Amino acid sequence: MNKPQISSRAKEVIASPIRKFLPLMRAAEDRGIKVYKLNSGDPDLPVPPAFFKAIKNYHQKNLNYAPSPGVKEHVAAWQKYYRQFGVSLRAENIIPTVGGAEAISLALQAVADPGDEILVFEPLYASYRSFSRMAGIKLTPITLSIKNDFALPSLGTIEKRITKKTKAIVVVNPDNPTGKLWSDKELDAVIKLAKKHDLFVISDETYREIRFKGKVSCLLAKKEARDNIILVDSVSKRFSMPGARIGCVASFNDEVMVSVLKFAQARLSAGTLEQVATIPLLENSRRYTTSIKKEYLRRRDVVAEGLRKIPGATFKPANGAFYQAVRLPVRSAEEFVKFMIGEFSYKDATVMVTPMKDFYFTPGLGEEEIRIAYVLNVNNLKRAMEILRRGVEEYGKRLGRQGVLGY
């Protein structure tokens, strides 16, 4: 008898480039090797105490479903949070979600049907690939290059990729996985195209406050394009609490928000307790975000200093988020990562980073690039960068210079 067949979408969704090496990492730890984990955007910084205080102070007898549009006080806290960036939203303009991941999924489904297209810039946070495939949406990539710090190409180059099926453009700012910070000129160019072609702009601002130059802003403040912009957001990174799984979708476009609400009703609600506990954080966000920005800048500089010691490494220090993209002198970053976890150690320690290949759509791109998440303290980062340097050196010796260099 033949086995029943799973769906084509199940077969085609890629494994997470961030999480797929977990078995190798656990095997290394079982051998007694300490693994410095620079692969996942899982901050090591402490959660604001107000979060746990709010949980302790929750004395309801029941833990009921939250309303699909969100706990009223929690939505009001999001409103207060956005006002500091010049954005005045009504309660109906915001819907809490199960983390930023669900916000992405709901936004994609609100603007595109199966077979429609959404314009994205590669390398791109891998969850967009999975969610679009699950929804039957085609992502049309425009390639950005590490050689020019992932700068946008000309407006004409982008416009050539727009078709009758294109429904939206995705902007991740600050960017995961590259650490790119979009310039005002680049953002204005995207908005100009969106208005010209009646497209939505899905603005992913999960790392909004973690930027190392310029003023913190929100794209929803662009009044001339309010009907075009859909914001996806999360508390995960700015408050160092990805395990709380709270985000939101926000837009001035009433039709979009009615649609998102219907999707939200289908999945019932985001967590009640988490919504309640994040209220004081959103109401007083700068108490925390000011300090974490300074801390991540210190870490960015440590990573940059370490990478400068690796002959052949190509990079420019990141301007936002807490990721550093770098091209290493290796032919296959994926094989290098396996080598680092499976074979290499220095003083009984090794480093786990993420290959960039799966952040690209175009075959052959990103083969020599890795993403470093600087989510460890400065002392551990210094040790990790020394191990990485020695690992690249040892990898080169093993394969021989001609086998390692890809150019």
Protein backbone atom coordinates (compact mmCIF):
# COMPACT_ATOMS: atom_id res chain seq x y z
CA MET A 1 0.00 0.00 0.00
CA ASN A 2 1.13 3.53 -0.75
CA LYS A 3 1.53 6.04 2.04
CA PRO A 4 -0.83 9.03 2.19
CA GLN A 5 0.90 12.12 0.76
CA ILE A 6 1.52 15.35 2.62
CA SER A 7 0.88 18.73 1.00
CA SER A 8 3.26 20.35 -1.46
CA ARG A 9 3.52 23.37 0.84
CA ALA A 10 4.71 21.09 3.64
CA LYS A 11 7.41 19.67 1.39
CA GLU A 12 8.55 23.04 0.08
CA VAL A 13 8.73 25.10 3.29
CA ILE A 14 12.41 25.31 4.21
CA ALA A 15 13.83 24.27 7.55
CA SER A 16 14.83 27.24 9.69
CA PRO A 17 18.39 28.27 8.80
CA ILE A 18 18.72 29.40 12.41
CA ARG A 19 17.47 26.26 14.16
CA LYS A 20 18.36 23.36 11.86
CA PHE A 21 21.81 22.80 13.41
CA LEU A 22 20.39 22.21 16.90
CA PRO A 23 21.15 18.44 16.88
CA LEU A 24 24.83 19.13 16.07
CA MET A 25 25.00 21.75 18.80
CA ARG A 26 23.55 19.37 21.37
CA ALA A 27 25.99 16.67 20.30
CA ALA A 28 28.89 19.09 20.83
CA GLU A 29 27.61 19.98 24.28
CA ASP A 30 27.27 16.29 25.09
CA ARG A 31 30.99 15.94 24.27
CA GLY A 32 31.72 18.62 26.86
CA ILE A 33 32.23 21.47 24.38
CA LYS A 34 30.95 24.89 25.39
CA VAL A 35 29.04 26.43 22.47
CA TYR A 36 28.88 30.21 22.21
CA LYS A 37 25.49 30.63 20.53
CA LEU A 38 25.60 33.52 18.06
CA ASN A 39 23.02 31.95 15.75
CA SER A 40 19.68 32.95 17.25
CA GLY A 41 18.20 36.36 17.97
CA ASP A 42 17.47 35.36 21.55
CA PRO A 43 18.76 38.19 23.77
CA ASP A 44 20.57 37.40 27.01
CA LEU A 45 19.59 40.71 28.62
CA PRO A 46 17.25 40.62 31.62
CA VAL A 47 13.53 41.17 31.11
CA PRO A 48 12.25 44.43 32.66
CA PRO A 49 11.18 43.62 36.24
CA ALA A 50 7.80 45.27 35.67
CA PHE A 51 6.80 42.31 33.49
CA PHE A 52 7.17 39.74 36.25
CA LYS A 53 5.71 42.12 38.82
CA ALA A 54 2.57 42.44 36.70
CA ILE A 55 2.29 38.64 36.49
CA LYS A 56 2.60 38.31 40.29
CA ASN A 57 -0.06 40.95 40.73
CA TYR A 58 -2.52 39.11 38.48
CA HIS A 59 -5.08 37.79 40.94
CA GLN A 60 -8.02 36.79 38.75
CA LYS A 61 -9.45 33.36 39.53
CA ASN A 62 -9.66 32.47 35.85
CA LEU A 63 -7.36 32.93 32.88
CA ASN A 64 -9.90 33.62 30.17
CA TYR A 65 -9.51 34.15 26.46
CA ALA A 66 -8.53 37.70 25.66
CA PRO A 67 -10.82 39.52 23.22
CA SER A 68 -9.70 39.00 19.61
CA PRO A 69 -9.05 42.77 19.21
CA GLY A 70 -6.88 42.61 22.31
CA VAL A 71 -7.10 43.43 26.01
CA LYS A 72 -8.34 47.04 26.14
CA GLU A 73 -5.60 48.28 28.48
CA HIS A 74 -2.92 46.51 26.45
CA VAL A 75 -4.07 48.14 23.20
CA ALA A 76 -4.10 51.51 24.99
CA ALA A 77 -0.48 50.87 26.03
CA TRP A 78 0.46 50.28 22.37
CA GLN A 79 -1.26 53.59 21.52
CA LYS A 80 0.81 55.41 24.13
CA TYR A 81 3.96 53.69 22.89
CA TYR A 82 3.44 54.84 19.27
CA ARG A 83 2.61 58.43 20.23
CA GLN A 84 6.27 59.00 21.14
CA PHE A 85 7.04 58.54 17.43
CA GLY A 86 4.37 60.98 16.27
CA VAL A 87 1.81 58.27 15.47
CA SER A 88 -1.72 58.66 16.92
CA LEU A 89 -3.64 55.42 16.42
CA ARG A 90 -7.20 54.59 17.37
CA ALA A 91 -7.79 51.35 19.24
CA GLU A 92 -9.27 49.86 16.07
CA ASN A 93 -5.96 50.51 14.30
CA ILE A 94 -4.10 47.97 16.46
CA ILE A 95 -4.54 44.22 16.93
CA PRO A 96 -2.25 42.28 19.29
CA THR A 97 -0.76 39.11 17.83
CA VAL A 98 1.07 35.98 18.95
CA GLY A 99 4.50 37.52 18.52
CA GLY A 100 5.85 39.33 15.48
CA ALA A 101 5.68 36.06 13.56
CA GLU A 102 1.89 35.96 13.57
CA ALA A 103 1.83 39.67 12.73
CA ILE A 104 3.82 38.90 9.57
CA SER A 105 1.52 36.03 8.64
CA LEU A 106 -1.67 38.04 9.15
CA ALA A 107 -0.33 41.01 7.20
CA LEU A 108 0.66 38.84 4.23
CA GLN A 109 -2.72 37.15 4.13
CA ALA A 110 -4.59 40.44 4.45
CA VAL A 111 -3.05 41.89 1.29
CA ALA A 112 -2.47 38.93 -1.05
CA ASP A 113 -4.36 35.93 -2.38
CA PRO A 114 -2.80 32.64 -3.56
CA GLY A 115 -0.86 33.39 -6.73
CA ASP A 116 -0.34 37.07 -5.91
CA GLU A 117 3.15 38.54 -5.55
CA ILE A 118 4.90 40.54 -2.87
CA LEU A 119 8.14 42.39 -3.49
CA VAL A 120 10.92 41.70 -1.00
CA PHE A 121 14.62 42.46 -0.64
CA GLU A 122 17.04 39.57 -0.21
CA PRO A 123 18.61 38.48 2.05
CA LEU A 124 15.33 38.35 4.00
CA TYR A 125 14.28 37.05 7.41
CA ALA A 126 13.47 33.42 6.63
CA SER A 127 9.99 33.32 8.21
CA TYR A 128 8.67 35.43 5.34
CA ARG A 129 9.56 32.58 2.99
CA SER A 130 7.71 30.03 5.10
CA PHE A 131 4.60 32.11 5.70
CA SER A 132 4.30 33.10 2.05
CA ARG A 133 4.61 29.49 0.94
CA MET A 134 1.99 28.40 3.45
CA ALA A 135 -0.38 31.06 2.04
CA GLY A 136 0.40 30.35 -1.63
CA ILE A 137 1.90 33.82 -2.12
CA LYS A 138 4.91 34.37 -4.38
CA LEU A 139 7.76 36.51 -3.04
CA THR A 140 9.62 38.41 -5.76
CA PRO A 141 13.18 39.13 -4.59
CA ILE A 142 15.39 42.10 -5.35
CA THR A 143 18.98 41.28 -4.44
CA LEU A 144 21.00 43.53 -2.15
CA SER A 145 24.76 43.02 -1.89
CA ILE A 146 27.10 42.90 1.07
CA LYS A 147 29.66 44.60 -1.18
CA ASN A 148 27.82 47.94 -0.93
CA ASP A 149 26.37 47.43 2.54
CA PHE A 150 23.02 46.17 1.19
CA ALA A 151 22.08 49.52 -0.35
CA LEU A 152 18.93 49.66 -2.48
CA PRO A 153 19.31 49.67 -6.28
CA SER A 154 17.78 52.41 -8.40
CA LEU A 155 14.06 53.10 -8.35
CA GLY A 156 13.86 51.90 -11.95
CA THR A 157 15.44 48.56 -11.09
CA ILE A 158 12.87 47.96 -8.36
CA GLU A 159 9.97 49.12 -10.52
CA LYS A 160 10.83 46.60 -13.23
CA ARG A 161 9.94 43.79 -10.83
CA ILE A 162 6.42 45.10 -10.21
CA THR A 163 3.69 43.24 -12.13
CA LYS A 164 -0.11 43.28 -12.22
CA LYS A 165 -0.02 40.62 -9.50
CA THR A 166 2.21 42.61 -7.12
CA LYS A 167 0.29 43.60 -3.99
CA ALA A 168 2.88 44.84 -1.50
CA ILE A 169 6.50 45.66 -0.72
CA VAL A 170 8.16 44.41 2.48
CA VAL A 171 10.60 46.60 4.40
CA VAL A 172 12.42 45.26 7.48
CA ASN A 173 13.99 48.23 9.27
CA PRO A 174 16.35 47.84 11.07
CA ASP A 175 16.98 44.69 9.12
CA ASN A 176 17.24 41.06 10.08
CA PRO A 177 19.50 39.36 8.92
CA THR A 178 21.85 42.09 7.66
CA GLY A 179 21.85 44.79 10.35
CA LYS A 180 21.05 47.31 7.59
CA LEU A 181 19.46 50.60 8.61
CA TRP A 182 17.31 52.04 5.85
CA SER A 183 17.95 55.65 4.90
CA ASP A 184 15.15 58.20 4.58
CA LYS A 185 15.89 58.32 0.85
CA GLU A 186 15.38 54.56 0.52
CA LEU A 187 12.15 54.60 2.53
CA ASP A 188 10.82 57.53 0.49
CA ALA A 189 11.60 55.63 -2.71
CA VAL A 190 9.60 52.62 -1.56
CA ILE A 191 6.66 54.81 -0.53
CA LYS A 192 6.77 56.59 -3.89
CA LEU A 193 6.52 53.27 -5.72
CA ALA A 194 3.77 52.04 -3.42
CA LYS A 195 1.64 55.12 -4.04
CA LYS A 196 2.29 55.08 -7.78
CA HIS A 197 1.27 51.43 -8.17
CA ASP A 198 -1.37 51.24 -5.39
CA LEU A 199 0.68 48.82 -3.30
CA PHE A 200 0.84 48.16 0.41
CA VAL A 201 4.08 48.58 2.34
CA ILE A 202 4.49 45.97 5.08
CA SER A 203 6.89 47.68 7.47
CA ASP A 204 8.55 45.27 9.92
CA GLU A 205 9.92 47.39 12.77
CA THR A 206 10.65 44.73 15.36
CA TYR A 207 14.10 46.26 16.06
CA ARG A 208 12.95 49.91 15.90
CA GLU A 209 14.94 51.27 18.86
CA ILE A 210 18.08 49.23 18.23
CA ARG A 211 19.72 51.61 15.77
CA PHE A 212 23.17 53.16 16.04
CA LYS A 213 22.68 56.35 14.09
CA GLY A 214 19.83 58.73 13.33
CA LYS A 215 16.55 59.28 15.15
CA VAL A 216 14.19 56.45 16.08
CA SER A 217 11.09 56.63 13.90
CA CYS A 218 8.01 54.77 12.71
CA LEU A 219 6.93 54.56 9.07
CA LEU A 220 3.30 55.13 10.08
CA ALA A 221 4.30 58.74 10.74
CA LYS A 222 4.43 59.20 6.93
CA LYS A 223 0.99 60.81 6.65
CA GLU A 224 1.04 60.91 2.85
CA ALA A 225 0.98 57.09 2.70
CA ARG A 226 -1.18 56.12 5.66
CA ASP A 227 -3.52 53.93 3.63
CA ASN A 228 -0.56 52.06 2.15
CA ILE A 229 1.39 51.19 5.29
CA ILE A 230 0.85 48.09 7.45
CA LEU A 231 3.08 47.89 10.50
CA VAL A 232 4.17 44.58 12.04
CA ASP A 233 5.78 44.81 15.44
CA SER A 234 6.84 42.83 18.50
CA VAL A 235 7.91 43.27 22.12
CA SER A 236 10.44 40.44 21.75
CA LYS A 237 13.61 42.37 21.02
CA ARG A 238 13.13 45.80 22.58
CA PHE A 239 12.23 44.21 25.92
CA SER A 240 14.40 41.08 25.55
CA MET A 241 11.46 38.70 25.93
CA PRO A 242 10.83 36.64 22.77
CA GLY A 243 9.28 33.91 24.90
CA ALA A 244 6.34 36.16 25.81
CA ARG A 245 5.03 35.93 22.21
CA ILE A 246 3.35 39.33 21.93
CA GLY A 247 3.35 41.53 18.84
CA CYS A 248 0.85 43.54 16.88
CA VAL A 249 -0.41 44.60 13.48
CA ALA A 250 -1.18 48.31 13.12
CA SER A 251 -2.51 50.34 10.20
CA PHE A 252 -4.60 53.43 9.47
CA ASN A 253 -6.23 51.46 6.65
CA ASP A 254 -9.60 50.44 8.09
CA GLU A 255 -10.23 47.77 5.47
CA VAL A 256 -6.91 46.10 6.33
CA MET A 257 -7.66 46.13 10.04
CA VAL A 258 -11.17 44.69 9.57
CA SER A 259 -9.58 41.86 7.57
CA VAL A 260 -6.85 41.23 10.14
CA LEU A 261 -9.47 41.17 12.89
CA LYS A 262 -11.38 38.41 11.09
CA PHE A 263 -8.18 36.36 10.89
CA ALA A 264 -7.52 37.13 14.56
CA GLN A 265 -10.98 35.90 15.49
CA ALA A 266 -10.28 32.62 13.71
CA ARG A 267 -7.27 31.98 15.93
CA LEU A 268 -9.17 33.34 18.98
CA SER A 269 -6.62 35.59 20.75
CA ALA A 270 -3.12 36.38 21.83
CA GLY A 271 -2.17 35.37 25.38
CA THR A 272 -4.18 37.14 28.08
CA LEU A 273 -1.51 37.12 30.79
CA GLU A 274 1.23 38.24 28.42
CA GLN A 275 -0.89 41.16 27.21
CA VAL A 276 -1.54 42.28 30.77
CA ALA A 277 2.10 41.93 31.81
CA THR A 278 3.49 43.95 28.88
CA ILE A 279 1.31 47.00 29.61
CA PRO A 280 3.81 48.74 31.95
CA LEU A 281 6.65 48.04 29.51
CA LEU A 282 4.89 49.66 26.56
CA GLU A 283 3.82 52.61 28.70
CA ASN A 284 7.42 53.30 29.79
CA SER A 285 9.46 51.82 26.96
CA ARG A 286 12.36 54.28 26.98
CA ARG A 287 13.38 53.21 30.48
CA TYR A 288 14.57 50.01 28.88
CA THR A 289 15.23 50.72 25.21
CA THR A 290 17.74 53.53 25.88
CA SER A 291 20.04 51.20 27.83
CA ILE A 292 19.79 48.22 25.48
CA LYS A 293 20.73 50.39 22.50
CA LYS A 294 23.96 51.37 24.25
CA GLU A 295 24.68 47.77 25.18
CA TYR A 296 24.17 46.48 21.65
CA LEU A 297 26.41 49.21 20.27
CA ARG A 298 29.20 47.99 22.55
CA ARG A 299 28.62 44.47 21.36
CA ARG A 300 28.53 45.54 17.71
CA ASP A 301 31.93 47.14 18.13
CA VAL A 302 33.40 44.02 19.75
CA VAL A 303 32.18 41.89 16.84
CA ALA A 304 33.57 44.35 14.30
CA GLU A 305 36.95 44.39 16.06
CA GLY A 306 37.05 40.59 16.02
CA LEU A 307 36.09 40.33 12.35
CA ARG A 308 38.83 42.79 11.34
CA LYS A 309 41.33 40.22 12.61
CA ILE A 310 40.08 37.57 10.17
CA PRO A 311 42.00 37.84 6.87
CA GLY A 312 39.60 37.94 3.92
CA ALA A 313 36.46 38.77 5.93
CA THR A 314 34.19 41.29 4.12
CA PHE A 315 31.75 43.38 6.12
CA LYS A 316 30.73 46.83 7.26
CA PRO A 317 29.70 47.32 10.90
CA ALA A 318 25.93 46.99 11.26
CA ASN A 319 23.89 50.14 11.88
CA GLY A 320 20.87 48.48 13.45
CA ALA A 321 19.28 45.41 15.07
CA PHE A 322 21.82 43.08 16.71
CA TYR A 323 23.05 41.17 13.67
CA GLN A 324 26.23 41.36 11.66
CA ALA A 325 26.41 39.92 8.17
CA VAL A 326 29.91 38.98 7.01
CA ARG A 327 31.42 37.23 4.03
CA LEU A 328 34.09 34.78 5.17
CA PRO A 329 36.94 33.32 3.09
CA VAL A 330 35.14 29.97 2.82
CA ARG A 331 33.51 28.31 -0.17
CA SER A 332 30.52 27.06 1.84
CA ALA A 333 29.41 28.81 5.02
CA GLU A 334 27.08 25.91 5.77
CA GLU A 335 29.92 23.40 5.67
CA PHE A 336 31.99 25.79 7.78
CA VAL A 337 29.25 25.94 10.43
CA LYS A 338 29.09 22.13 10.50
CA PHE A 339 32.87 22.05 10.88
CA MET A 340 32.77 24.53 13.78
CA ILE A 341 30.11 22.60 15.68
CA GLY A 342 31.03 19.06 14.70
CA GLU A 343 34.82 19.08 14.60
CA PHE A 344 36.48 22.25 15.85
CA SER A 345 37.05 23.56 19.35
CA TYR A 346 39.51 25.89 21.01
CA LYS A 347 40.04 25.48 24.75
CA ASP A 348 37.00 23.19 24.82
CA ALA A 349 34.74 25.79 23.23
CA THR A 350 33.33 26.58 19.81
CA VAL A 351 30.95 29.06 18.15
CA MET A 352 27.60 28.57 16.45
CA VAL A 353 26.62 31.10 13.76
CA THR A 354 24.02 31.05 10.97
CA PRO A 355 24.81 30.52 7.28
CA MET A 356 23.15 33.20 5.13
CA LYS A 357 22.31 31.02 2.11
CA ASP A 358 18.73 30.34 3.17
CA PHE A 359 18.03 34.03 3.68
CA TYR A 360 18.36 34.42 -0.10
CA PHE A 361 15.89 33.28 -2.76
CA THR A 362 18.34 33.38 -5.67
CA PRO A 363 20.33 30.11 -5.93
CA GLY A 364 24.05 30.49 -5.35
CA LEU A 365 23.85 33.68 -3.29
CA GLY A 366 25.03 33.90 0.30
CA GLU A 367 27.16 30.75 0.06
CA GLU A 368 30.13 32.43 1.75
CA GLU A 369 28.18 34.62 4.19
CA ILE A 370 27.19 34.15 7.82
CA ARG A 371 24.99 36.07 10.24
CA ILE A 372 26.30 36.76 13.73
CA ALA A 373 23.74 37.56 16.43
CA TYR A 374 25.56 39.49 19.14
CA VAL A 375 23.31 38.37 21.95
CA LEU A 376 26.08 37.55 24.44
CA ASN A 377 27.84 39.85 26.88
CA VAL A 378 31.01 41.64 25.81
CA ASN A 379 33.43 39.22 27.51
CA ASN A 380 31.80 36.16 25.95
CA LEU A 381 31.68 37.90 22.58
CA LYS A 382 35.42 38.55 22.72
CA ARG A 383 36.05 34.87 23.42
CA ALA A 384 33.64 33.83 20.67
CA MET A 385 35.27 36.08 18.07
CA GLU A 386 38.70 34.69 18.93
CA ILE A 387 37.36 31.15 18.50
CA LEU A 388 35.76 32.14 15.19
CA ARG A 389 39.04 33.57 13.92
CA ARG A 390 40.92 30.42 14.86
CA GLY A 391 38.18 28.29 13.34
CA VAL A 392 38.44 30.08 9.98
CA GLU A 393 42.21 29.64 10.08
CA GLU A 394 41.98 25.92 10.88
CA TYR A 395 39.28 25.37 8.25
CA GLY A 396 41.58 26.93 5.68
CA LYS A 397 44.47 24.70 6.66
CA ARG A 398 42.38 21.57 6.37
CA LEU A 399 40.96 22.26 2.96
CA GLY A 400 43.94 24.03 1.49
CA ARG A 401 43.91 27.60 0.24
CA GLN A 402 42.62 26.72 -3.23
CA GLY A 403 39.76 24.71 -1.75
CA VAL A 404 38.70 27.38 0.74
CA LEU A 405 38.80 30.65 -1.15
CA GLY A 406 35.84 31.07 -3.41
CA TYR A 407 37.33 33.86 -5.52
